């Protein structure tokens, strides 16, 4: 019973998550990737969310024995105020390599999708209304209740892990697509996203599990 209770708790935690993995891609030439110093980049104009997101990922990386730095601390304050040329970005890469960085993890919102949700739950086929008056009576709020449908948004996020390899071009190691559904709390959204991202990177053998470090 003890383990059953634990299992139910875990399932409830995952079912309440705002983040859901949609798809991943891993470089077929990469089996295991071991980084020692990573730069974390959250691409968003929301400075509060960027700082909190990068900080939480930094903590997760450090808990796995990896040096991690936030772009908000590395880039100059005016770095994101205007568009940079490829030459300028390449110069940043060279500086990072000269300072022993071997990986960059970049996360951004790739798109936003508006959704409508029925406030009433769907019934199964056996419970389908048998008579017109029952069906009409139970659903007539569609005409006058503006809250009958609930609007919400799905944010399509993308995280990419790049190797800063001095001997070759800045190679893409892994990319993951994660949907964030109806985020209402920055804290919860960042927690959900971070934990899911770390779990996937561990599973893909692109980061050490915490248990291997402790």
N, C-alpha and C. Protein backbone atom coordinates (compact mmCIF):
# COMPACT_ATOMS: atom_id res chain seq x y z
N UNK A 1 0.83 -1.21 0.00
CA UNK A 1 0.00 0.00 0.00
C UNK A 1 0.87 1.27 0.00
N UNK A 2 2.00 1.17 0.69
CA UNK A 2 2.90 2.32 0.74
C UNK A 2 3.37 2.71 -0.65
N UNK A 3 3.77 1.70 -1.45
CA UNK A 3 4.26 1.97 -2.80
C UNK A 3 3.14 2.41 -3.72
N UNK A 4 1.93 1.90 -3.50
CA UNK A 4 0.79 2.30 -4.30
C UNK A 4 0.49 3.77 -4.09
N UNK A 5 0.56 4.21 -2.83
CA UNK A 5 0.33 5.62 -2.52
C UNK A 5 1.36 6.52 -3.17
N UNK A 6 2.63 6.06 -3.18
CA UNK A 6 3.71 6.82 -3.80
C UNK A 6 3.49 6.93 -5.30
N UNK A 7 3.07 5.82 -5.92
CA UNK A 7 2.82 5.80 -7.36
C UNK A 7 1.71 6.77 -7.73
N UNK A 8 0.64 6.76 -6.94
CA UNK A 8 -0.49 7.65 -7.21
C UNK A 8 -0.04 9.10 -7.10
N UNK A 9 0.78 9.40 -6.09
CA UNK A 9 1.29 10.78 -5.91
C UNK A 9 2.11 11.22 -7.11
N UNK A 10 2.99 10.33 -7.60
CA UNK A 10 3.83 10.65 -8.76
C UNK A 10 2.97 10.91 -9.99
N UNK A 11 1.96 10.05 -10.19
CA UNK A 11 1.08 10.21 -11.35
C UNK A 11 0.32 11.53 -11.29
N UNK A 12 -0.11 11.91 -10.11
CA UNK A 12 -0.83 13.17 -9.94
C UNK A 12 0.07 14.36 -10.23
N UNK A 13 1.33 14.28 -9.82
CA UNK A 13 2.28 15.36 -10.06
C UNK A 13 2.50 15.55 -11.55
N UNK A 14 2.67 14.45 -12.26
CA UNK A 14 2.91 14.54 -13.70
C UNK A 14 1.66 15.00 -14.44
N UNK A 15 0.49 14.57 -13.99
CA UNK A 15 -0.74 14.93 -14.68
C UNK A 15 -1.04 16.41 -14.52
N UNK A 16 -0.52 17.03 -13.46
CA UNK A 16 -0.78 18.45 -13.21
C UNK A 16 0.29 19.33 -13.85
N UNK A 17 1.25 18.77 -14.51
CA UNK A 17 2.33 19.54 -15.09
C UNK A 17 1.83 20.37 -16.27
N UNK A 18 2.35 21.60 -16.37
CA UNK A 18 2.00 22.45 -17.50
C UNK A 18 2.87 22.15 -18.73
N UNK A 19 3.94 21.37 -18.55
CA UNK A 19 4.88 21.09 -19.63
C UNK A 19 4.73 19.65 -20.11
N UNK A 20 4.71 19.48 -21.42
CA UNK A 20 4.57 18.14 -22.00
C UNK A 20 5.53 17.99 -23.17
N UNK A 21 6.31 16.91 -23.15
CA UNK A 21 7.26 16.65 -24.23
C UNK A 21 6.50 16.25 -25.50
N UNK A 22 6.82 16.91 -26.60
CA UNK A 22 6.16 16.64 -27.88
C UNK A 22 7.04 15.79 -28.78
N UNK A 23 8.31 16.17 -28.90
CA UNK A 23 9.21 15.44 -29.80
C UNK A 23 10.65 15.79 -29.45
N UNK A 24 11.58 14.91 -29.80
CA UNK A 24 13.00 15.17 -29.60
C UNK A 24 13.79 14.69 -30.80
N UNK A 25 14.97 15.28 -30.96
CA UNK A 25 15.92 14.84 -31.98
C UNK A 25 17.29 14.81 -31.34
N UNK A 26 18.04 13.73 -31.60
CA UNK A 26 19.40 13.60 -31.09
C UNK A 26 20.34 13.32 -32.24
N UNK A 27 21.46 14.01 -32.25
CA UNK A 27 22.45 13.81 -33.30
C UNK A 27 22.86 12.34 -33.35
N UNK A 28 22.67 11.67 -34.49
CA UNK A 28 22.99 10.24 -34.58
C UNK A 28 24.47 9.93 -34.35
N UNK A 29 25.32 10.94 -34.48
CA UNK A 29 26.75 10.72 -34.26
C UNK A 29 27.14 10.86 -32.79
N UNK A 30 26.16 11.20 -31.95
CA UNK A 30 26.42 11.40 -30.52
C UNK A 30 25.73 10.33 -29.70
N UNK A 31 26.50 9.53 -29.00
CA UNK A 31 25.92 8.53 -28.10
C UNK A 31 25.80 9.11 -26.70
N UNK A 32 26.92 9.54 -26.16
CA UNK A 32 26.97 10.17 -24.84
C UNK A 32 27.69 11.51 -24.98
N UNK A 33 27.14 12.54 -24.35
CA UNK A 33 27.78 13.85 -24.38
C UNK A 33 28.05 14.30 -22.95
N UNK A 34 29.32 14.59 -22.67
CA UNK A 34 29.70 15.01 -21.33
C UNK A 34 30.22 16.44 -21.39
N UNK A 35 29.49 17.33 -20.74
CA UNK A 35 29.88 18.73 -20.70
C UNK A 35 30.46 19.05 -19.32
N UNK A 36 31.37 20.00 -19.28
CA UNK A 36 31.95 20.43 -17.99
C UNK A 36 31.63 21.88 -17.67
N UNK A 37 31.29 22.66 -18.72
CA UNK A 37 30.99 24.09 -18.52
C UNK A 37 29.99 24.54 -19.57
N UNK A 38 28.79 24.88 -19.14
CA UNK A 38 27.71 25.17 -20.07
C UNK A 38 27.18 26.59 -19.86
N UNK A 39 26.78 27.21 -20.97
CA UNK A 39 26.12 28.51 -20.92
C UNK A 39 24.63 28.29 -21.14
N UNK A 40 23.81 28.83 -20.27
CA UNK A 40 22.36 28.66 -20.36
C UNK A 40 21.74 29.95 -20.89
N UNK A 41 21.00 29.83 -21.99
CA UNK A 41 20.41 30.99 -22.65
C UNK A 41 18.89 30.83 -22.73
N UNK A 42 18.18 31.73 -22.06
CA UNK A 42 16.73 31.78 -22.19
C UNK A 42 16.37 32.97 -23.06
N UNK A 43 15.85 32.71 -24.26
CA UNK A 43 15.57 33.80 -25.20
C UNK A 43 14.15 34.30 -24.99
N UNK A 44 14.01 35.36 -24.20
CA UNK A 44 12.72 35.99 -23.94
C UNK A 44 12.96 37.44 -23.53
N UNK A 45 12.09 38.36 -23.95
CA UNK A 45 12.23 39.75 -23.52
C UNK A 45 11.81 39.98 -22.07
N UNK A 46 11.15 38.98 -21.48
CA UNK A 46 10.72 39.06 -20.09
C UNK A 46 11.92 38.79 -19.18
N UNK A 47 12.50 39.84 -18.64
CA UNK A 47 13.74 39.70 -17.88
C UNK A 47 13.54 38.88 -16.61
N UNK A 48 12.39 39.02 -15.97
CA UNK A 48 12.13 38.26 -14.75
C UNK A 48 12.08 36.77 -15.04
N UNK A 49 11.33 36.40 -16.09
CA UNK A 49 11.22 34.99 -16.46
C UNK A 49 12.56 34.44 -16.92
N UNK A 50 13.30 35.25 -17.70
CA UNK A 50 14.61 34.82 -18.19
C UNK A 50 15.56 34.54 -17.04
N UNK A 51 15.62 35.47 -16.09
CA UNK A 51 16.52 35.31 -14.95
C UNK A 51 16.15 34.09 -14.12
N UNK A 52 14.86 33.92 -13.84
CA UNK A 52 14.41 32.80 -13.01
C UNK A 52 14.65 31.46 -13.70
N UNK A 53 14.37 31.41 -15.01
CA UNK A 53 14.56 30.18 -15.77
C UNK A 53 16.03 29.78 -15.83
N UNK A 54 16.88 30.74 -16.18
CA UNK A 54 18.31 30.44 -16.28
C UNK A 54 18.89 30.06 -14.92
N UNK A 55 18.40 30.71 -13.89
CA UNK A 55 18.90 30.42 -12.54
C UNK A 55 18.55 29.00 -12.12
N UNK A 56 17.32 28.57 -12.42
CA UNK A 56 16.90 27.23 -12.01
C UNK A 56 17.66 26.15 -12.79
N UNK A 57 17.87 26.39 -14.07
CA UNK A 57 18.66 25.43 -14.85
C UNK A 57 20.11 25.40 -14.36
N UNK A 58 20.63 26.54 -13.98
CA UNK A 58 21.99 26.60 -13.43
C UNK A 58 22.11 25.71 -12.19
N UNK A 59 21.13 25.81 -11.32
CA UNK A 59 21.12 24.99 -10.09
C UNK A 59 21.09 23.50 -10.45
N UNK A 60 20.26 23.13 -11.43
CA UNK A 60 20.15 21.73 -11.83
C UNK A 60 21.46 21.20 -12.41
N UNK A 61 22.12 22.01 -13.22
CA UNK A 61 23.40 21.60 -13.79
C UNK A 61 24.47 21.46 -12.70
N UNK A 62 24.51 22.43 -11.80
CA UNK A 62 25.52 22.38 -10.74
C UNK A 62 25.30 21.19 -9.82
N UNK A 63 24.05 20.79 -9.64
CA UNK A 63 23.75 19.62 -8.80
C UNK A 63 24.26 18.34 -9.45
N UNK A 64 24.61 18.44 -10.72
CA UNK A 64 25.14 17.28 -11.45
C UNK A 64 26.63 17.41 -11.71
N UNK A 65 27.27 18.32 -10.99
CA UNK A 65 28.72 18.47 -11.09
C UNK A 65 29.21 19.21 -12.30
N UNK A 66 28.34 20.01 -12.93
CA UNK A 66 28.70 20.74 -14.16
C UNK A 66 28.69 22.24 -13.87
N UNK A 67 29.74 22.93 -14.27
CA UNK A 67 29.75 24.39 -14.14
C UNK A 67 28.70 24.97 -15.09
N UNK A 68 27.86 25.86 -14.59
CA UNK A 68 26.82 26.46 -15.41
C UNK A 68 26.77 27.96 -15.18
N UNK A 69 26.58 28.70 -16.26
CA UNK A 69 26.53 30.15 -16.18
C UNK A 69 25.31 30.67 -16.94
N UNK A 70 24.73 31.71 -16.40
CA UNK A 70 23.54 32.31 -17.00
C UNK A 70 23.95 33.37 -18.03
N UNK A 71 23.25 33.37 -19.17
CA UNK A 71 23.57 34.37 -20.19
C UNK A 71 23.34 35.78 -19.68
N UNK A 72 22.39 35.91 -18.76
CA UNK A 72 22.07 37.23 -18.21
C UNK A 72 23.26 37.80 -17.42
N UNK A 73 24.17 36.91 -16.98
CA UNK A 73 25.38 37.34 -16.27
C UNK A 73 26.59 37.45 -17.20
N UNK A 74 26.55 36.72 -18.31
CA UNK A 74 27.70 36.68 -19.23
C UNK A 74 27.60 37.77 -20.29
N UNK A 75 26.42 37.91 -20.90
CA UNK A 75 26.26 38.92 -21.94
C UNK A 75 26.26 40.33 -21.35
N UNK A 76 26.72 41.28 -22.12
CA UNK A 76 26.65 42.68 -21.71
C UNK A 76 25.19 43.10 -21.57
N UNK A 77 24.87 44.05 -20.68
CA UNK A 77 23.48 44.46 -20.46
C UNK A 77 22.75 44.89 -21.73
N UNK A 78 23.50 45.46 -22.69
CA UNK A 78 22.85 45.94 -23.92
C UNK A 78 22.95 44.93 -25.06
N UNK A 79 23.39 43.71 -24.76
CA UNK A 79 23.63 42.72 -25.83
C UNK A 79 22.35 42.40 -26.59
N UNK A 80 21.21 42.31 -25.89
CA UNK A 80 19.96 41.90 -26.53
C UNK A 80 19.11 43.08 -27.00
N UNK A 81 19.65 44.29 -26.93
CA UNK A 81 18.86 45.46 -27.30
C UNK A 81 18.76 45.66 -28.80
N UNK A 82 19.71 45.13 -29.55
CA UNK A 82 19.65 45.25 -31.01
C UNK A 82 20.10 43.95 -31.66
N UNK A 83 19.83 43.83 -32.94
CA UNK A 83 20.14 42.60 -33.68
C UNK A 83 21.64 42.49 -33.91
N UNK A 84 22.18 41.31 -33.64
CA UNK A 84 23.61 41.07 -33.82
C UNK A 84 23.88 40.41 -35.18
N UNK A 85 25.01 40.73 -35.74
CA UNK A 85 25.42 40.10 -37.00
C UNK A 85 26.01 38.72 -36.72
N UNK A 86 26.15 37.91 -37.76
CA UNK A 86 26.75 36.59 -37.61
C UNK A 86 28.19 36.71 -37.13
N UNK A 87 28.87 37.74 -37.58
CA UNK A 87 30.26 37.96 -37.17
C UNK A 87 30.33 38.22 -35.67
N UNK A 88 29.40 39.05 -35.16
CA UNK A 88 29.38 39.36 -33.74
C UNK A 88 29.07 38.12 -32.90
N UNK A 89 28.13 37.30 -33.38
CA UNK A 89 27.77 36.08 -32.64
C UNK A 89 28.93 35.09 -32.66
N UNK A 90 29.62 35.01 -33.80
CA UNK A 90 30.77 34.12 -33.90
C UNK A 90 31.88 34.57 -32.94
N UNK A 91 32.01 35.87 -32.76
CA UNK A 91 33.01 36.40 -31.83
C UNK A 91 32.66 35.98 -30.39
N UNK A 92 31.37 35.99 -30.08
CA UNK A 92 30.93 35.54 -28.75
C UNK A 92 31.28 34.07 -28.55
N UNK A 93 31.04 33.25 -29.59
CA UNK A 93 31.38 31.83 -29.51
C UNK A 93 32.86 31.64 -29.23
N UNK A 94 33.71 32.42 -29.93
CA UNK A 94 35.16 32.30 -29.75
C UNK A 94 35.57 32.67 -28.33
N UNK A 95 34.94 33.69 -27.77
CA UNK A 95 35.24 34.10 -26.40
C UNK A 95 34.84 33.00 -25.42
N UNK A 96 33.67 32.39 -25.66
CA UNK A 96 33.21 31.30 -24.78
C UNK A 96 34.18 30.12 -24.82
N UNK A 97 34.63 29.75 -26.01
CA UNK A 97 35.57 28.64 -26.15
C UNK A 97 36.89 28.97 -25.46
N UNK A 98 37.34 30.21 -25.60
CA UNK A 98 38.59 30.63 -24.95
C UNK A 98 38.48 30.58 -23.43
N UNK A 99 37.24 30.64 -22.93
CA UNK A 99 37.02 30.58 -21.48
C UNK A 99 36.51 29.19 -21.05
N UNK A 100 36.81 28.19 -21.88
CA UNK A 100 36.58 26.77 -21.55
C UNK A 100 35.12 26.34 -21.53
N UNK A 101 34.21 27.11 -22.12
CA UNK A 101 32.84 26.63 -22.28
C UNK A 101 32.83 25.56 -23.37
N UNK A 102 32.09 24.47 -23.12
CA UNK A 102 32.02 23.41 -24.12
C UNK A 102 30.59 23.10 -24.57
N UNK A 103 29.61 23.85 -24.06
CA UNK A 103 28.22 23.61 -24.46
C UNK A 103 27.37 24.85 -24.23
N UNK A 104 26.33 24.97 -25.03
CA UNK A 104 25.32 26.03 -24.86
C UNK A 104 23.95 25.37 -24.92
N UNK A 105 23.10 25.70 -23.95
CA UNK A 105 21.71 25.23 -23.95
C UNK A 105 20.81 26.44 -24.18
N UNK A 106 20.12 26.45 -25.31
CA UNK A 106 19.28 27.58 -25.70
C UNK A 106 17.81 27.17 -25.65
N UNK A 107 16.97 27.98 -25.01
CA UNK A 107 15.53 27.72 -24.94
C UNK A 107 14.78 28.95 -25.40
N UNK A 108 13.77 28.73 -26.24
CA UNK A 108 12.96 29.85 -26.73
C UNK A 108 11.53 29.38 -26.99
N UNK A 109 10.60 30.33 -27.07
CA UNK A 109 9.23 30.05 -27.46
C UNK A 109 9.16 30.17 -28.97
N UNK A 110 8.82 29.06 -29.64
CA UNK A 110 8.80 29.04 -31.10
C UNK A 110 7.44 29.43 -31.67
N UNK A 111 6.38 29.36 -30.85
CA UNK A 111 5.05 29.71 -31.34
C UNK A 111 4.02 29.64 -30.23
N UNK A 112 2.87 30.28 -30.48
CA UNK A 112 1.77 30.28 -29.51
C UNK A 112 0.49 29.90 -30.25
N UNK A 113 -0.31 29.06 -29.62
CA UNK A 113 -1.55 28.57 -30.24
C UNK A 113 -2.73 28.81 -29.30
N UNK A 114 -3.79 29.43 -29.83
CA UNK A 114 -5.00 29.64 -29.05
C UNK A 114 -5.89 28.42 -29.13
N UNK A 115 -6.47 28.03 -27.99
CA UNK A 115 -7.34 26.86 -27.92
C UNK A 115 -8.65 27.21 -27.24
N UNK A 116 -9.69 26.41 -27.53
CA UNK A 116 -10.97 26.50 -26.83
C UNK A 116 -11.25 25.16 -26.18
N UNK A 117 -11.73 25.21 -24.96
CA UNK A 117 -12.00 23.98 -24.23
C UNK A 117 -13.44 24.00 -23.71
N UNK A 118 -14.16 22.87 -23.84
CA UNK A 118 -15.49 22.77 -23.26
C UNK A 118 -15.38 22.75 -21.75
N UNK A 119 -16.18 23.57 -21.09
CA UNK A 119 -16.18 23.55 -19.63
C UNK A 119 -16.88 22.31 -19.11
N UNK A 120 -17.79 21.74 -19.93
CA UNK A 120 -18.45 20.50 -19.55
C UNK A 120 -17.67 19.33 -20.13
N UNK A 121 -17.56 18.28 -19.37
CA UNK A 121 -16.78 17.13 -19.83
C UNK A 121 -17.55 16.34 -20.86
N UNK A 122 -16.80 15.68 -21.73
CA UNK A 122 -17.42 14.82 -22.72
C UNK A 122 -17.95 13.56 -22.05
N UNK A 123 -19.11 13.08 -22.50
CA UNK A 123 -19.63 11.80 -22.01
C UNK A 123 -19.20 10.69 -22.96
N UNK A 124 -19.19 9.47 -22.46
CA UNK A 124 -18.83 8.38 -23.36
C UNK A 124 -20.03 8.02 -24.24
N UNK A 125 -19.80 7.16 -25.20
CA UNK A 125 -20.82 6.88 -26.20
C UNK A 125 -22.06 6.22 -25.61
N UNK A 126 -21.87 5.47 -24.51
CA UNK A 126 -23.00 4.80 -23.88
C UNK A 126 -23.93 5.80 -23.19
N UNK A 127 -23.40 6.98 -22.83
CA UNK A 127 -24.20 7.97 -22.13
C UNK A 127 -24.76 9.05 -23.06
N UNK A 128 -24.67 8.81 -24.36
CA UNK A 128 -25.19 9.78 -25.32
C UNK A 128 -26.67 10.01 -25.08
N UNK A 129 -27.07 11.28 -25.14
CA UNK A 129 -28.47 11.61 -24.89
C UNK A 129 -29.38 10.90 -25.89
N UNK A 130 -30.41 10.23 -25.38
CA UNK A 130 -31.30 9.45 -26.24
C UNK A 130 -32.37 10.31 -26.89
N UNK A 131 -32.70 11.45 -26.24
CA UNK A 131 -33.80 12.25 -26.76
C UNK A 131 -33.33 13.68 -27.04
N UNK A 132 -33.98 14.31 -28.02
CA UNK A 132 -33.63 15.67 -28.39
C UNK A 132 -33.75 16.61 -27.21
N UNK A 133 -34.86 16.52 -26.45
CA UNK A 133 -35.08 17.48 -25.37
C UNK A 133 -34.01 17.39 -24.28
N UNK A 134 -33.50 16.17 -24.05
CA UNK A 134 -32.42 16.02 -23.07
C UNK A 134 -31.14 16.69 -23.56
N UNK A 135 -30.82 16.44 -24.81
CA UNK A 135 -29.61 17.00 -25.41
C UNK A 135 -29.68 18.53 -25.41
N UNK A 136 -30.82 19.06 -25.87
CA UNK A 136 -30.99 20.50 -25.95
C UNK A 136 -30.97 21.14 -24.56
N UNK A 137 -31.67 20.52 -23.64
CA UNK A 137 -31.77 21.06 -22.29
C UNK A 137 -30.40 21.16 -21.62
N UNK A 138 -29.58 20.13 -21.80
CA UNK A 138 -28.29 20.07 -21.12
C UNK A 138 -27.24 21.00 -21.76
N UNK A 139 -27.47 21.44 -23.00
CA UNK A 139 -26.44 22.20 -23.71
C UNK A 139 -26.90 23.57 -24.20
N UNK A 140 -28.04 24.04 -23.77
CA UNK A 140 -28.56 25.31 -24.27
C UNK A 140 -27.75 26.52 -23.81
N UNK A 141 -26.88 26.32 -22.84
CA UNK A 141 -26.04 27.44 -22.38
C UNK A 141 -25.12 27.96 -23.49
N UNK A 142 -24.92 27.15 -24.51
CA UNK A 142 -24.08 27.57 -25.64
C UNK A 142 -24.55 28.91 -26.19
N UNK A 143 -25.86 29.16 -26.15
CA UNK A 143 -26.43 30.37 -26.72
C UNK A 143 -26.10 31.63 -25.94
N UNK A 144 -26.10 31.53 -24.62
CA UNK A 144 -26.04 32.75 -23.82
C UNK A 144 -24.95 32.81 -22.76
N UNK A 145 -24.30 31.68 -22.46
CA UNK A 145 -23.25 31.67 -21.44
C UNK A 145 -21.89 31.83 -22.12
N UNK A 146 -21.30 33.03 -21.97
CA UNK A 146 -20.02 33.30 -22.65
C UNK A 146 -18.86 32.52 -22.03
N UNK A 147 -19.09 31.95 -20.87
CA UNK A 147 -18.06 31.15 -20.21
C UNK A 147 -18.20 29.66 -20.51
N UNK A 148 -19.10 29.31 -21.44
CA UNK A 148 -19.31 27.90 -21.74
C UNK A 148 -18.04 27.28 -22.32
N UNK A 149 -17.31 28.10 -23.09
CA UNK A 149 -16.02 27.66 -23.60
C UNK A 149 -14.93 28.44 -22.87
N UNK A 150 -13.86 27.77 -22.57
CA UNK A 150 -12.74 28.38 -21.88
C UNK A 150 -11.57 28.54 -22.84
N UNK A 151 -11.11 29.77 -22.99
CA UNK A 151 -9.97 30.02 -23.86
C UNK A 151 -8.67 29.80 -23.10
N UNK A 152 -7.70 29.19 -23.76
CA UNK A 152 -6.38 29.03 -23.17
C UNK A 152 -5.34 28.97 -24.28
N UNK A 153 -4.10 29.11 -23.90
CA UNK A 153 -3.01 29.14 -24.88
C UNK A 153 -2.06 27.97 -24.66
N UNK A 154 -1.48 27.52 -25.76
CA UNK A 154 -0.39 26.54 -25.71
C UNK A 154 0.85 27.19 -26.31
N UNK A 155 1.90 27.25 -25.51
CA UNK A 155 3.17 27.81 -25.96
C UNK A 155 4.08 26.67 -26.41
N UNK A 156 4.54 26.76 -27.64
CA UNK A 156 5.43 25.73 -28.20
C UNK A 156 6.88 26.16 -27.96
N UNK A 157 7.52 25.51 -27.01
CA UNK A 157 8.89 25.86 -26.65
C UNK A 157 9.89 24.90 -27.29
N UNK A 158 11.09 25.39 -27.46
CA UNK A 158 12.14 24.59 -28.10
C UNK A 158 13.44 24.78 -27.34
N UNK A 159 14.06 23.67 -26.94
CA UNK A 159 15.37 23.72 -26.28
C UNK A 159 16.38 23.00 -27.16
N UNK A 160 17.55 23.63 -27.33
CA UNK A 160 18.60 23.06 -28.18
C UNK A 160 19.92 23.05 -27.43
N UNK A 161 20.62 21.92 -27.51
CA UNK A 161 21.92 21.77 -26.87
C UNK A 161 23.00 21.73 -27.94
N UNK A 162 23.94 22.67 -27.85
CA UNK A 162 25.02 22.76 -28.83
C UNK A 162 26.36 22.46 -28.17
N UNK A 163 27.21 21.79 -28.94
CA UNK A 163 28.58 21.54 -28.49
C UNK A 163 29.48 22.66 -29.01
N UNK A 164 30.24 23.28 -28.12
CA UNK A 164 31.23 24.26 -28.53
C UNK A 164 32.55 23.53 -28.72
N UNK A 165 32.66 22.87 -29.83
CA UNK A 165 33.83 22.04 -30.11
C UNK A 165 34.85 22.86 -30.89
N UNK A 166 36.05 23.07 -30.34
CA UNK A 166 37.05 23.91 -31.03
C UNK A 166 37.46 23.36 -32.38
N UNK A 167 37.40 22.04 -32.56
CA UNK A 167 37.91 21.43 -33.78
C UNK A 167 36.92 21.43 -34.93
N UNK A 168 35.64 21.77 -34.66
CA UNK A 168 34.64 21.78 -35.74
C UNK A 168 33.57 22.81 -35.46
N UNK A 169 32.64 22.93 -36.40
CA UNK A 169 31.59 23.93 -36.27
C UNK A 169 30.73 23.66 -35.04
N UNK A 170 29.98 24.68 -34.60
CA UNK A 170 29.16 24.57 -33.39
C UNK A 170 28.02 23.59 -33.64
N UNK A 171 28.22 22.37 -33.22
CA UNK A 171 27.36 21.26 -33.62
C UNK A 171 26.13 21.14 -32.73
N UNK A 172 24.97 20.91 -33.36
CA UNK A 172 23.74 20.65 -32.62
C UNK A 172 23.77 19.21 -32.12
N UNK A 173 23.67 19.05 -30.80
CA UNK A 173 23.70 17.73 -30.19
C UNK A 173 22.30 17.17 -30.00
N UNK A 174 21.40 18.04 -29.56
CA UNK A 174 20.04 17.59 -29.23
C UNK A 174 19.07 18.75 -29.34
N UNK A 175 17.83 18.41 -29.72
CA UNK A 175 16.76 19.42 -29.75
C UNK A 175 15.49 18.78 -29.23
N UNK A 176 14.76 19.51 -28.39
CA UNK A 176 13.51 18.99 -27.84
C UNK A 176 12.41 20.02 -27.97
N UNK A 177 11.20 19.53 -28.27
CA UNK A 177 10.03 20.40 -28.38
C UNK A 177 9.10 20.09 -27.21
N UNK A 178 8.78 21.12 -26.45
CA UNK A 178 7.95 20.96 -25.25
C UNK A 178 6.80 21.97 -25.31
N UNK A 179 5.58 21.49 -25.11
CA UNK A 179 4.41 22.37 -25.07
C UNK A 179 4.12 22.79 -23.64
N UNK A 180 3.84 24.07 -23.46
CA UNK A 180 3.46 24.61 -22.16
C UNK A 180 2.00 25.04 -22.26
N UNK A 181 1.15 24.39 -21.50
CA UNK A 181 -0.29 24.63 -21.60
C UNK A 181 -0.77 25.61 -20.54
N UNK A 182 -1.38 26.69 -21.01
CA UNK A 182 -2.06 27.67 -20.15
C UNK A 182 -1.24 28.05 -18.92
N UNK A 183 -0.04 28.60 -19.12
CA UNK A 183 0.79 28.96 -17.96
C UNK A 183 0.20 30.13 -17.19
N UNK A 184 -0.05 29.93 -15.91
CA UNK A 184 -0.63 31.00 -15.09
C UNK A 184 0.33 31.44 -13.98
N UNK A 185 1.35 30.63 -13.74
CA UNK A 185 2.32 30.96 -12.70
C UNK A 185 3.72 30.77 -13.27
N UNK A 186 4.55 31.82 -13.20
CA UNK A 186 5.92 31.71 -13.69
C UNK A 186 6.67 30.63 -12.93
N UNK A 187 6.49 30.59 -11.61
CA UNK A 187 7.19 29.62 -10.77
C UNK A 187 6.87 28.19 -11.20
N UNK A 188 5.58 27.88 -11.31
CA UNK A 188 5.17 26.52 -11.65
C UNK A 188 5.60 26.15 -13.07
N UNK A 189 5.43 27.09 -14.00
CA UNK A 189 5.80 26.81 -15.39
C UNK A 189 7.29 26.51 -15.51
N UNK A 190 8.12 27.32 -14.86
CA UNK A 190 9.57 27.11 -14.93
C UNK A 190 9.96 25.81 -14.23
N UNK A 191 9.33 25.52 -13.10
CA UNK A 191 9.60 24.24 -12.42
C UNK A 191 9.27 23.06 -13.31
N UNK A 192 8.08 23.07 -13.88
CA UNK A 192 7.63 21.97 -14.72
C UNK A 192 8.56 21.78 -15.92
N UNK A 193 8.90 22.90 -16.56
CA UNK A 193 9.74 22.82 -17.76
C UNK A 193 11.14 22.33 -17.43
N UNK A 194 11.70 22.88 -16.36
CA UNK A 194 13.07 22.52 -15.99
C UNK A 194 13.18 21.04 -15.63
N UNK A 195 12.27 20.54 -14.81
CA UNK A 195 12.34 19.14 -14.39
C UNK A 195 12.14 18.20 -15.57
N UNK A 196 11.22 18.55 -16.47
CA UNK A 196 11.01 17.72 -17.65
C UNK A 196 12.24 17.74 -18.55
N UNK A 197 12.81 18.91 -18.76
CA UNK A 197 14.00 19.03 -19.60
C UNK A 197 15.17 18.23 -19.05
N UNK A 198 15.40 18.31 -17.75
CA UNK A 198 16.48 17.55 -17.14
C UNK A 198 16.27 16.05 -17.24
N UNK A 199 15.03 15.62 -17.05
CA UNK A 199 14.70 14.19 -17.17
C UNK A 199 15.01 13.68 -18.57
N UNK A 200 14.64 14.47 -19.58
CA UNK A 200 14.86 14.05 -20.96
C UNK A 200 16.36 14.01 -21.28
N UNK A 201 17.10 15.02 -20.84
CA UNK A 201 18.54 15.05 -21.09
C UNK A 201 19.25 13.88 -20.40
N UNK A 202 18.79 13.52 -19.21
CA UNK A 202 19.34 12.35 -18.52
C UNK A 202 19.06 11.08 -19.31
N UNK A 203 17.81 10.95 -19.75
CA UNK A 203 17.42 9.75 -20.50
C UNK A 203 18.21 9.62 -21.78
N UNK A 204 18.52 10.77 -22.41
CA UNK A 204 19.27 10.76 -23.67
C UNK A 204 20.78 10.66 -23.44
N UNK A 205 21.20 10.53 -22.18
CA UNK A 205 22.62 10.44 -21.80
C UNK A 205 23.41 11.67 -22.24
N UNK A 206 22.79 12.83 -22.05
CA UNK A 206 23.42 14.08 -22.38
C UNK A 206 23.76 14.91 -21.15
N UNK A 207 23.43 14.35 -19.98
CA UNK A 207 23.75 14.98 -18.71
C UNK A 207 23.77 13.89 -17.63
N UNK A 208 24.61 14.06 -16.64
CA UNK A 208 24.70 13.06 -15.58
C UNK A 208 23.50 13.13 -14.65
N UNK A 209 22.95 11.99 -14.23
CA UNK A 209 21.91 12.01 -13.19
C UNK A 209 22.49 12.51 -11.87
N UNK A 210 21.65 13.10 -11.06
CA UNK A 210 22.12 13.59 -9.76
C UNK A 210 22.71 12.47 -8.91
N UNK A 211 22.15 11.28 -9.00
CA UNK A 211 22.59 10.16 -8.18
C UNK A 211 24.04 9.78 -8.44
N UNK A 212 24.54 10.09 -9.65
CA UNK A 212 25.92 9.77 -9.98
C UNK A 212 26.91 10.76 -9.37
N UNK A 213 26.37 11.91 -8.92
CA UNK A 213 27.24 12.96 -8.40
C UNK A 213 27.28 12.94 -6.88
N UNK A 214 26.12 12.68 -6.27
CA UNK A 214 26.01 12.74 -4.82
C UNK A 214 26.84 11.67 -4.15
